Amino acid sequence: MTETKQTSATGILTYGLIVMTLTHTLTHVFGRLYTASFPLLRSEFNLSIQQLGYIAAIPPLCQTVLSIPFGLLADRYGSKRMLILSLVVAVAGSLLAASSHNTVMLIAAVSLVYLNTTIYHPAAYSYVTRLFLRGDRPKALGIHGAGGTFGMALGPLTLGIFLGSFGLSWRHVYLFWAVPILLGAILSFRLKDVEEENGFDIISEKGGDDGGPTSLLTKALAIFLIYTAIRSVAQQMISTFMPIIIVDVKGFTADQMSFIYGTTSLTGLLSAPIGGYIASKFGTKRWLTVSLTMNLLILGLVAIIPGGLSFIFVYILYGFSGTLGMAARSNLIAGLTPRNQRGLGYSLLFLPGSIMGAISPIFAAKLIEVFGINQLFPISMLTAAMSIGVLIFGIKEPS
């Protein structure tokens, strides 16, 4: 074992965390690129809102089927191997997307780039939590989370640049990102393994970490997953069709939308580490509740403010508040799972999002057809409020 637990703020930025943060950026560049391309795909392939909903549902469905198997593989074969595999899958998906000229090829390509995050998350999050003492985990997870939100911003931003400045197509964005992702895979080969053969955290056995539960399937974890599922419905009903809302309702062009849509995630570079620091001082559950409530209130403003600079400002604020609780959520799952099953634990964390990601776009598309696109906001807000209630009354602060 060559890594050591970090206990000071200056010692947090190890090679392991830096590479994990960089690769988190690279795995998420496609996360919002797909939905940011919806106005373009709608025109190019002559798709209806309902068809876009079905297309958006297929990649999360693939994630749902394979989430638990990849979590088990991360626990069995180690984080490093699964991390490299995820980046290779991302490169394959990006190259396929760049050559896609029909919806079948596009769906297959996007399913691969979505699948890369399903492979990545259990490996990366379990790796990061093994490197740090419990008190430092929220800070480290905040930095790691900032990489993911930065990646989610880069996809739409590069789409806007390629469309508006270079006159290129959405396909060129996928082709462009294949190169840095491949470089990320090369950097990952130098990571040190943090697991013994039996899967236990070497550092915590050598002293310092006070451990966690001995069983994975607990009532506390089940309630947390219920909260996550309800929260995912609220988020994905809005996020899937927000590019359409920005263009059709708020009155922006497709390339303007790409910059606006991407900038909201760019704020995570600040909000994710800030949220991690506050969670380490304030308490993970308490801070997660506060940040979610703040995000819910700002979503109400997003709904009622018309287009223009005021909308851009409020929407960016919405993105900022949405990632303030990211580290707290990730730290909660670490406290609810045994050390030797953290890969599976993080698979379970992202599983409800994958399941709801396969259902929510279809449900939201039907709501749009029947009630109109603006009705997504009150339904999403009510669902988000329900998730906060489950968090407050159903989940205890980890000791």
Protein backbone atom coordinates (compact mmCIF):
# COMPACT_ATOMS: atom_id res chain seq x y z
CA MET A 1 0.00 0.00 0.00
CA THR A 2 1.57 3.27 -1.09
CA GLU A 3 -1.20 5.79 -0.49
CA THR A 4 -1.64 7.31 2.98
CA LYS A 5 -4.69 8.81 4.63
CA GLN A 6 -4.78 12.57 4.43
CA THR A 7 -5.69 14.56 7.51
CA SER A 8 -4.84 18.13 6.55
CA ALA A 9 -6.33 20.45 3.96
CA THR A 10 -3.01 20.82 2.16
CA GLY A 11 -2.57 17.04 1.97
CA ILE A 12 -5.88 16.29 0.29
CA LEU A 13 -4.68 16.90 -3.27
CA THR A 14 -2.85 13.61 -3.82
CA TYR A 15 -2.13 12.13 -7.24
CA GLY A 16 -4.99 9.70 -6.65
CA LEU A 17 -7.58 12.42 -6.01
CA ILE A 18 -6.28 14.59 -8.87
CA VAL A 19 -6.56 11.73 -11.38
CA MET A 20 -9.97 10.75 -10.01
CA THR A 21 -11.20 14.33 -10.38
CA LEU A 22 -9.82 14.59 -13.92
CA THR A 23 -11.34 11.30 -15.01
CA HIS A 24 -14.64 12.31 -13.37
CA THR A 25 -14.61 15.33 -15.66
CA LEU A 26 -13.95 13.20 -18.72
CA THR A 27 -16.61 10.58 -17.95
CA HIS A 28 -19.28 13.28 -17.62
CA VAL A 29 -18.64 15.35 -20.75
CA PHE A 30 -21.45 13.43 -22.47
CA GLY A 31 -23.89 13.66 -19.55
CA ARG A 32 -25.62 16.81 -20.77
CA LEU A 33 -24.36 16.83 -24.34
CA TYR A 34 -27.05 14.36 -25.39
CA THR A 35 -29.99 16.37 -24.05
CA ALA A 36 -28.38 19.66 -25.15
CA SER A 37 -28.48 18.24 -28.68
CA PHE A 38 -32.23 17.54 -28.50
CA PRO A 39 -33.30 20.65 -30.48
CA LEU A 40 -30.82 19.64 -33.21
CA LEU A 41 -31.77 15.95 -33.15
CA ARG A 42 -35.46 16.85 -33.26
CA SER A 43 -34.93 18.72 -36.52
CA GLU A 44 -32.38 16.37 -38.11
CA PHE A 45 -34.32 13.15 -37.46
CA ASN A 46 -37.82 14.71 -37.48
CA LEU A 47 -38.64 13.52 -33.96
CA SER A 48 -41.65 14.33 -31.77
CA ILE A 49 -41.49 15.16 -28.06
CA GLN A 50 -42.74 11.66 -27.26
CA GLN A 51 -40.05 10.09 -29.44
CA LEU A 52 -37.40 12.21 -27.73
CA GLY A 53 -38.71 10.94 -24.41
CA TYR A 54 -38.33 7.31 -25.49
CA ILE A 55 -34.84 7.98 -26.87
CA ALA A 56 -33.81 9.66 -23.61
CA ALA A 57 -35.05 6.65 -21.63
CA ILE A 58 -33.00 3.96 -23.36
CA PRO A 59 -29.46 4.81 -22.09
CA PRO A 60 -30.59 4.96 -18.42
CA LEU A 61 -32.35 1.63 -18.94
CA CYS A 62 -29.01 0.12 -19.95
CA GLN A 63 -27.49 1.64 -16.82
CA THR A 64 -30.22 0.09 -14.70
CA VAL A 65 -29.56 -3.43 -15.98
CA LEU A 66 -25.79 -3.27 -15.50
CA SER A 67 -25.42 -1.05 -12.43
CA ILE A 68 -25.25 -3.76 -9.75
CA PRO A 69 -23.03 -6.13 -11.79
CA PHE A 70 -20.44 -3.39 -12.28
CA GLY A 71 -20.58 -2.52 -8.58
CA LEU A 72 -19.83 -6.14 -7.73
CA LEU A 73 -16.99 -6.16 -10.25
CA ALA A 74 -15.49 -3.02 -8.68
CA ASP A 75 -15.43 -4.74 -5.28
CA ARG A 76 -13.96 -7.91 -6.72
CA TYR A 77 -11.37 -6.65 -9.21
CA GLY A 78 -10.51 -3.26 -7.74
CA SER A 79 -11.20 0.34 -8.61
CA LYS A 80 -8.26 0.89 -10.96
CA ARG A 81 -9.20 -1.83 -13.45
CA MET A 82 -12.84 -0.75 -13.61
CA LEU A 83 -11.86 2.89 -13.98
CA ILE A 84 -9.73 2.13 -17.04
CA LEU A 85 -12.51 -0.03 -18.49
CA SER A 86 -15.00 2.82 -18.11
CA LEU A 87 -12.78 5.21 -20.06
CA VAL A 88 -12.24 2.68 -22.85
CA VAL A 89 -16.03 2.26 -23.14
CA ALA A 90 -16.40 6.05 -23.28
CA VAL A 91 -13.92 6.29 -26.16
CA ALA A 92 -15.79 3.55 -28.07
CA GLY A 93 -19.11 5.32 -27.54
CA SER A 94 -17.79 8.71 -28.61
CA LEU A 95 -16.34 7.30 -31.84
CA LEU A 96 -19.60 5.52 -32.62
CA ALA A 97 -21.60 8.70 -31.96
CA ALA A 98 -19.33 10.66 -34.30
CA SER A 99 -20.24 8.28 -37.13
CA SER A 100 -23.97 7.97 -36.29
CA HIS A 101 -26.33 8.79 -39.13
CA ASN A 102 -29.54 7.23 -37.82
CA THR A 103 -31.30 7.06 -34.48
CA VAL A 104 -30.40 3.40 -33.87
CA MET A 105 -26.65 4.09 -34.11
CA LEU A 106 -27.06 7.23 -32.00
CA ILE A 107 -28.92 5.40 -29.23
CA ALA A 108 -26.30 2.63 -29.20
CA ALA A 109 -23.49 5.20 -28.98
CA VAL A 110 -25.10 7.24 -26.22
CA SER A 111 -25.90 4.05 -24.30
CA LEU A 112 -22.17 3.29 -24.31
CA VAL A 113 -21.14 6.73 -23.07
CA TYR A 114 -23.82 6.56 -20.37
CA LEU A 115 -22.63 3.07 -19.47
CA ASN A 116 -19.13 4.44 -18.93
CA THR A 117 -20.40 6.37 -15.88
CA THR A 118 -22.11 3.23 -14.58
CA ILE A 119 -18.76 1.46 -14.62
CA TYR A 120 -16.89 4.50 -13.32
CA HIS A 121 -18.92 5.66 -10.32
CA PRO A 122 -18.71 2.59 -8.03
CA ALA A 123 -14.97 2.30 -8.67
CA ALA A 124 -14.14 6.00 -8.33
CA TYR A 125 -16.26 6.84 -5.30
CA SER A 126 -15.13 3.78 -3.36
CA TYR A 127 -11.51 4.63 -4.26
CA VAL A 128 -11.83 8.21 -2.99
CA THR A 129 -13.53 7.24 0.27
CA ARG A 130 -10.74 4.73 1.00
CA LEU A 131 -8.07 7.42 0.70
CA PHE A 132 -9.34 9.73 3.43
CA LEU A 133 -10.38 9.79 7.05
CA ARG A 134 -14.09 10.18 7.73
CA GLY A 135 -13.75 13.87 8.65
CA ASP A 136 -11.95 14.66 5.40
CA ARG A 137 -14.20 12.62 3.11
CA PRO A 138 -16.78 15.35 2.41
CA LYS A 139 -14.00 17.73 1.34
CA ALA A 140 -12.40 15.13 -0.93
CA LEU A 141 -15.77 14.10 -2.35
CA GLY A 142 -16.55 17.76 -2.98
CA ILE A 143 -13.38 18.15 -5.05
CA HIS A 144 -14.10 14.91 -6.88
CA GLY A 145 -17.69 16.00 -7.49
CA ALA A 146 -16.49 19.32 -8.91
CA GLY A 147 -14.75 17.35 -11.65
CA GLY A 148 -18.01 15.66 -12.59
CA THR A 149 -19.99 18.90 -12.75
CA PHE A 150 -17.21 20.51 -14.79
CA GLY A 151 -17.48 17.65 -17.26
CA MET A 152 -21.25 18.06 -17.48
CA ALA A 153 -20.64 21.73 -18.30
CA LEU A 154 -17.98 21.06 -20.92
CA GLY A 155 -20.29 18.93 -23.10
CA PRO A 156 -22.90 21.64 -23.82
CA LEU A 157 -20.25 24.38 -23.86
CA THR A 158 -18.17 22.64 -26.51
CA LEU A 159 -21.37 21.99 -28.46
CA GLY A 160 -22.10 25.72 -28.44
CA ILE A 161 -18.54 26.54 -29.52
CA PHE A 162 -18.51 23.96 -32.30
CA LEU A 163 -21.90 25.13 -33.60
CA GLY A 164 -21.55 28.89 -33.17
CA SER A 165 -17.84 29.53 -33.72
CA PHE A 166 -16.64 26.72 -35.98
CA GLY A 167 -19.79 25.87 -37.92
CA LEU A 168 -19.36 22.18 -37.10
CA SER A 169 -21.98 19.61 -36.06
CA TRP A 170 -22.80 17.83 -32.79
CA ARG A 171 -20.97 14.76 -34.14
CA HIS A 172 -17.64 16.59 -34.06
CA VAL A 173 -18.03 17.19 -30.32
CA TYR A 174 -18.14 13.45 -29.65
CA LEU A 175 -15.10 12.91 -31.88
CA PHE A 176 -13.17 15.70 -30.16
CA TRP A 177 -13.58 14.25 -26.66
CA ALA A 178 -12.31 10.80 -27.59
CA VAL A 179 -8.67 12.01 -27.41
CA PRO A 180 -8.59 13.49 -23.86
CA ILE A 181 -10.56 10.52 -22.54
CA LEU A 182 -7.93 8.18 -23.94
CA LEU A 183 -5.23 10.28 -22.24
CA GLY A 184 -7.17 9.99 -18.97
CA ALA A 185 -7.05 6.21 -19.29
CA ILE A 186 -3.27 6.37 -19.68
CA LEU A 187 -2.93 8.51 -16.54
CA SER A 188 -5.07 5.99 -14.64
CA PHE A 189 -2.47 3.25 -15.15
CA ARG A 190 -0.24 5.03 -12.59
CA LEU A 191 -2.87 4.91 -9.84
CA LYS A 192 -2.03 2.78 -6.82
CA ASP A 193 -4.38 0.00 -5.79
CA VAL A 194 -6.14 0.70 -2.49
CA GLU A 195 -7.67 -2.74 -1.93
CA GLU A 196 -6.23 -5.95 -0.60
CA GLU A 197 -7.27 -9.21 -2.18
CA ASN A 198 -10.13 -9.58 0.28
CA GLY A 199 -11.47 -6.15 -0.69
CA PHE A 200 -10.97 -4.45 2.69
CA ASP A 201 -9.55 -0.99 3.08
CA ILE A 202 -5.91 -1.41 4.09
CA ILE A 203 -5.62 2.07 5.51
CA SER A 204 -8.56 1.76 7.86
CA GLU A 205 -7.27 -1.58 9.11
CA LYS A 206 -3.91 0.02 9.89
CA GLY A 207 -5.66 2.54 12.07
CA GLY A 208 -7.49 5.80 11.77
CA ASP A 209 -10.90 5.05 10.26
CA ASP A 210 -13.73 4.22 12.60
CA GLY A 211 -15.45 2.06 10.01
CA GLY A 212 -19.14 1.71 9.23
CA PRO A 213 -21.93 -0.86 9.17
CA THR A 214 -21.14 -4.54 8.79
CA SER A 215 -24.17 -5.27 6.59
CA LEU A 216 -25.09 -3.68 3.28
CA LEU A 217 -28.83 -4.37 3.19
CA THR A 218 -30.14 -2.24 6.03
CA LYS A 219 -33.36 -0.29 6.60
CA ALA A 220 -31.39 2.96 6.60
CA LEU A 221 -29.94 2.24 3.15
CA ALA A 222 -33.35 1.24 1.80
CA ILE A 223 -34.90 4.53 2.93
CA PHE A 224 -31.97 6.44 1.45
CA LEU A 225 -32.53 4.73 -1.91
CA ILE A 226 -36.24 5.61 -1.76
CA TYR A 227 -35.27 9.24 -1.19
CA THR A 228 -32.83 9.04 -4.11
CA ALA A 229 -35.48 7.57 -6.44
CA ILE A 230 -38.03 10.31 -5.66
CA ARG A 231 -35.36 12.98 -6.00
CA SER A 232 -34.29 11.53 -9.36
CA VAL A 233 -37.83 11.75 -10.75
CA ALA A 234 -38.01 15.42 -9.77
CA GLN A 235 -34.65 16.22 -11.35
CA GLN A 236 -34.95 14.27 -14.56
CA MET A 237 -38.41 15.44 -15.55
CA ILE A 238 -36.97 18.95 -15.74
CA SER A 239 -33.40 18.28 -16.89
CA THR A 240 -34.37 16.09 -19.86
CA PHE A 241 -36.54 18.76 -21.47
CA MET A 242 -34.86 21.90 -20.15
CA PRO A 243 -33.05 22.48 -23.49
CA ILE A 244 -36.45 22.42 -25.22
CA ILE A 245 -37.86 24.80 -22.57
CA ILE A 246 -34.94 27.20 -22.98
CA VAL A 247 -35.43 27.29 -26.76
CA ASP A 248 -39.22 27.04 -27.14
CA VAL A 249 -40.43 28.82 -23.98
CA LYS A 250 -37.63 31.17 -22.96
CA GLY A 251 -36.80 32.17 -26.54
CA PHE A 252 -33.08 31.41 -26.88
CA THR A 253 -31.36 29.94 -29.95
CA ALA A 254 -29.86 26.43 -29.94
CA ASP A 255 -26.26 27.63 -29.58
CA GLN A 256 -27.25 30.15 -26.87
CA MET A 257 -29.04 27.34 -25.07
CA SER A 258 -25.88 25.20 -25.16
CA PHE A 259 -23.90 27.89 -23.34
CA ILE A 260 -26.66 28.55 -20.78
CA TYR A 261 -27.24 24.84 -20.19
CA GLY A 262 -23.53 24.19 -19.80
CA THR A 263 -22.80 27.15 -17.54
CA THR A 264 -25.16 25.85 -14.85
CA SER A 265 -22.95 22.79 -14.43
CA LEU A 266 -19.79 24.91 -14.62
CA THR A 267 -20.78 26.49 -11.30
CA GLY A 268 -20.18 23.09 -9.71
CA LEU A 269 -16.46 23.85 -9.80
CA LEU A 270 -17.17 26.17 -6.87
CA SER A 271 -20.34 24.80 -5.33
CA ALA A 272 -19.29 21.14 -5.03
CA PRO A 273 -16.09 21.83 -3.00
CA ILE A 274 -17.86 24.54 -0.99
CA GLY A 275 -20.68 22.12 -0.24
CA GLY A 276 -18.20 19.44 0.78
CA TYR A 277 -16.46 21.80 3.19
CA ILE A 278 -19.74 22.96 4.74
CA ALA A 279 -20.94 19.35 5.08
CA SER A 280 -17.76 18.44 6.99
CA LYS A 281 -18.49 21.24 9.49
CA PHE A 282 -22.29 21.37 9.50
CA GLY A 283 -23.23 17.69 9.19
CA THR A 284 -23.96 15.76 6.01
CA LYS A 285 -27.70 15.18 6.37
CA ARG A 286 -28.35 18.66 7.75
CA TRP A 287 -26.48 20.36 4.91
CA LEU A 288 -28.06 18.13 2.27
CA THR A 289 -31.51 19.12 3.54
CA VAL A 290 -30.68 22.83 3.48
CA SER A 291 -29.17 22.71 -0.02
CA LEU A 292 -32.08 20.72 -1.46
CA THR A 293 -34.60 23.17 -0.01
CA MET A 294 -32.67 26.08 -1.47
CA ASN A 295 -32.57 24.37 -4.86
CA LEU A 296 -36.33 23.74 -4.76
CA LEU A 297 -37.12 27.40 -4.08
CA ILE A 298 -34.87 28.58 -6.90
CA LEU A 299 -36.53 26.14 -9.32
CA GLY A 300 -39.78 28.00 -8.65
CA LEU A 301 -38.09 31.19 -9.85
CA VAL A 302 -36.77 29.39 -12.96
CA ALA A 303 -40.37 28.50 -13.80
CA ILE A 304 -41.86 31.98 -13.57
CA ILE A 305 -39.07 34.22 -14.88
CA PRO A 306 -39.24 34.87 -18.65
CA GLY A 307 -36.25 34.73 -20.98
CA GLY A 308 -33.42 37.24 -20.95
CA LEU A 309 -30.59 38.04 -18.57
CA SER A 310 -32.75 37.57 -15.48
CA PHE A 311 -33.53 33.99 -16.49
CA ILE A 312 -29.86 33.25 -17.20
CA PHE A 313 -28.86 34.54 -13.75
CA VAL A 314 -31.53 32.55 -11.90
CA TYR A 315 -30.87 29.38 -13.92
CA ILE A 316 -27.15 29.59 -13.16
CA LEU A 317 -28.04 30.04 -9.48
CA TYR A 318 -30.25 26.95 -9.77
CA GLY A 319 -27.29 24.95 -11.09
CA PHE A 320 -25.05 26.27 -8.32
CA SER A 321 -27.49 25.26 -5.58
CA GLY A 322 -28.07 21.87 -7.17
CA THR A 323 -24.50 20.70 -6.58
CA LEU A 324 -24.01 22.14 -3.09
CA GLY A 325 -25.27 18.89 -1.58
CA MET A 326 -23.41 16.50 -3.88
CA ALA A 327 -20.57 15.70 -1.46
CA ALA A 328 -23.00 15.30 1.44
CA ARG A 329 -25.03 12.74 -0.49
CA SER A 330 -21.91 10.81 -1.49
CA ASN A 331 -20.64 10.88 2.09
CA LEU A 332 -23.97 9.61 3.43
CA ILE A 333 -23.76 6.47 1.30
CA ALA A 334 -20.20 5.84 2.54
CA GLY A 335 -21.53 5.91 6.09
CA LEU A 336 -24.32 3.48 5.22
CA THR A 337 -22.22 0.78 3.54
CA PRO A 338 -19.45 -1.57 4.72
CA ARG A 339 -15.93 -0.70 3.56
CA ASN A 340 -15.52 -3.93 1.62
CA GLN A 341 -18.79 -3.42 -0.29
CA ARG A 342 -18.53 0.24 -1.17
CA GLY A 343 -18.40 -0.43 -4.91
CA LEU A 344 -21.78 -2.15 -4.68
CA GLY A 345 -22.98 0.56 -2.30
CA TYR A 346 -22.27 3.30 -4.81
CA SER A 347 -23.87 1.23 -7.56
CA LEU A 348 -27.01 1.16 -5.43
CA LEU A 349 -26.73 4.93 -4.93
CA PHE A 350 -26.88 5.55 -8.68
CA LEU A 351 -29.32 2.73 -9.45
CA PRO A 352 -32.52 4.67 -8.57
CA GLY A 353 -31.39 7.48 -10.86
CA SER A 354 -30.91 5.02 -13.70
CA ILE A 355 -34.30 3.40 -13.12
CA MET A 356 -36.10 6.73 -12.91
CA GLY A 357 -34.05 8.00 -15.83
CA ALA A 358 -35.67 5.29 -17.94
CA ILE A 359 -39.17 6.20 -16.73
CA SER A 360 -39.14 9.96 -16.13
CA PRO A 361 -38.53 11.15 -19.74
CA ILE A 362 -41.45 9.07 -21.04
CA PHE A 363 -43.69 10.24 -18.20
CA ALA A 364 -42.61 13.87 -18.70
CA ALA A 365 -43.17 13.68 -22.45
CA LYS A 366 -46.72 12.44 -21.87
CA LEU A 367 -47.35 15.26 -19.40
CA ILE A 368 -46.12 17.78 -21.97
CA GLU A 369 -48.44 16.39 -24.64
CA VAL A 370 -51.47 16.49 -22.33
CA PHE A 371 -50.90 19.57 -20.14
CA GLY A 372 -48.14 21.59 -21.83
CA ILE A 373 -44.45 21.88 -21.09
CA ASN A 374 -44.78 24.48 -18.32
CA GLN A 375 -46.67 22.02 -16.12
CA LEU A 376 -43.46 20.07 -15.61
CA PHE A 377 -42.35 22.66 -13.06
CA PRO A 378 -45.09 22.32 -10.41
CA ILE A 379 -45.08 18.52 -10.70
CA SER A 380 -41.31 18.37 -10.39
CA MET A 381 -41.34 20.75 -7.42
CA LEU A 382 -43.98 18.71 -5.59
CA THR A 383 -41.95 15.54 -6.16
CA ALA A 384 -38.77 17.25 -4.93
CA ALA A 385 -40.59 18.36 -1.77
CA MET A 386 -41.62 14.75 -1.13
CA SER A 387 -37.99 13.63 -1.38
CA ILE A 388 -36.92 16.25 1.16
CA GLY A 389 -39.61 14.95 3.52
CA VAL A 390 -38.24 11.40 3.23
CA LEU A 391 -34.74 12.70 3.91
CA ILE A 392 -35.78 14.68 6.99
CA PHE A 393 -37.99 12.07 8.64
CA GLY A 394 -36.54 8.81 7.37
CA ILE A 395 -32.76 9.17 7.47
CA LYS A 396 -30.52 9.75 10.49
CA GLU A 397 -27.26 11.66 10.48
CA PRO A 398 -24.43 9.07 10.38
CA SER A 399 -22.57 8.86 13.68
